[in-house]
Protein backbone atom coordinates (compact mmCIF):
# COMPACT_ATOMS: atom_id res chain seq x y z
CA UNK A 1 -6.73 -9.86 14.59
CA UNK A 2 -4.48 -12.55 15.97
CA UNK A 3 -0.85 -12.97 15.01
CA UNK A 4 1.62 -10.47 13.74
CA UNK A 5 2.38 -9.30 10.23
CA UNK A 6 5.81 -7.97 9.37
CA UNK A 7 5.92 -5.95 6.20
CA UNK A 8 8.99 -4.86 4.27
CA UNK A 9 8.49 -2.58 1.27
CA UNK A 10 11.64 -2.57 -0.79
CA UNK A 11 10.45 -0.22 -3.53
CA UNK A 12 7.34 1.86 -3.94
CA UNK A 13 7.60 3.39 -7.41
CA UNK A 14 5.74 6.69 -7.75
CA UNK A 15 6.87 8.16 -11.07
CA UNK A 16 5.95 11.73 -11.77
CA UNK A 17 6.08 12.87 -8.15
CA UNK A 18 8.81 15.02 -6.71
CA UNK A 19 11.01 13.35 -4.13
CA UNK A 20 9.20 15.22 -1.33
CA UNK A 21 5.73 14.30 -2.62
CA UNK A 22 6.76 10.66 -3.15
CA UNK A 23 7.97 10.54 0.47
CA UNK A 24 4.61 11.96 1.65
CA UNK A 25 2.71 9.39 -0.42
CA UNK A 26 4.92 6.56 0.85
CA UNK A 27 4.33 7.56 4.49
CA UNK A 28 0.57 7.67 3.90
CA UNK A 29 0.71 4.30 2.10
CA UNK A 30 2.57 2.71 5.00
CA UNK A 31 0.24 4.21 7.62
CA UNK A 32 -2.93 3.17 5.77
CA UNK A 33 -1.65 -0.31 5.01
CA UNK A 34 -0.63 -0.78 8.64
CA UNK A 35 -4.08 0.33 9.80
CA UNK A 36 -5.84 -1.99 7.34
CA UNK A 37 -3.68 -4.97 8.27
CA UNK A 38 -4.11 -4.33 12.00
CA UNK A 39 -7.87 -4.06 11.55
CA UNK A 40 -8.48 -6.86 9.03
CA UNK A 41 -5.31 -8.95 8.79
CA UNK A 42 -4.46 -10.71 5.56
CA UNK A 43 -7.44 -12.09 3.65
CA UNK A 44 -8.05 -15.82 4.16
CA UNK A 45 -5.86 -18.00 2.00
CA UNK A 46 -3.23 -15.32 1.32
CA UNK A 47 0.24 -16.54 2.18
CA UNK A 48 2.75 -13.75 2.88
CA UNK A 49 5.51 -15.52 0.93
CA UNK A 50 3.36 -15.21 -2.22
CA UNK A 51 3.47 -11.41 -2.00
CA UNK A 52 6.99 -10.81 -3.24
CA UNK A 53 5.97 -8.41 -6.00
CA UNK A 54 2.63 -6.69 -6.52
CA UNK A 55 1.82 -4.26 -9.34
CA UNK A 56 -0.98 -1.93 -8.32
CA UNK A 57 -1.28 -0.37 -11.76
CA UNK A 58 -1.73 3.36 -12.11
CA UNK A 59 -3.84 5.95 -10.40
CA UNK A 60 -5.95 8.26 -12.55
CA UNK A 61 -4.62 11.75 -13.13
CA UNK A 62 -5.73 14.14 -10.44
CA UNK A 63 -5.82 11.45 -7.76
CA UNK A 64 -5.45 14.20 -5.18
CA UNK A 65 -2.75 14.95 -2.68
CA UNK A 66 0.26 12.68 -2.21
CA UNK A 67 -1.33 11.51 1.05
CA UNK A 68 -4.60 10.62 -0.71
CA UNK A 69 -2.60 8.81 -3.39
CA UNK A 70 -0.74 6.79 -0.75
CA UNK A 71 -3.95 5.84 1.05
CA UNK A 72 -5.62 4.77 -2.20
CA UNK A 73 -2.62 2.64 -3.16
CA UNK A 74 -2.81 0.85 0.20
CA UNK A 75 -6.52 0.17 -0.32
CA UNK A 76 -5.79 -1.05 -3.86
CA UNK A 77 -3.21 -3.44 -2.47
CA UNK A 78 -5.70 -4.91 -0.03
CA UNK A 79 -8.35 -5.20 -2.77
CA UNK A 80 -5.86 -7.01 -5.00
CA UNK A 81 -5.42 -9.69 -2.34
CA UNK A 82 -9.08 -10.69 -2.25
């Protein structure tokens, strides 16, 4: 990938998780999203300034560990951009 992407996540809402589990999910989300962006970059035609707010919907009950939840949310974000 050429170029750099700077990402700032103001709020990652994870209702229903304890503060500790939400922090674990957020760390996994950030790590997975970073890895995906480093590997693939932004999809063609996506302008970073258009990404001010993104609603990823809800994960099904029993989505797994907080880390699995965070990784899946990052993948859902990337899917939503295509």
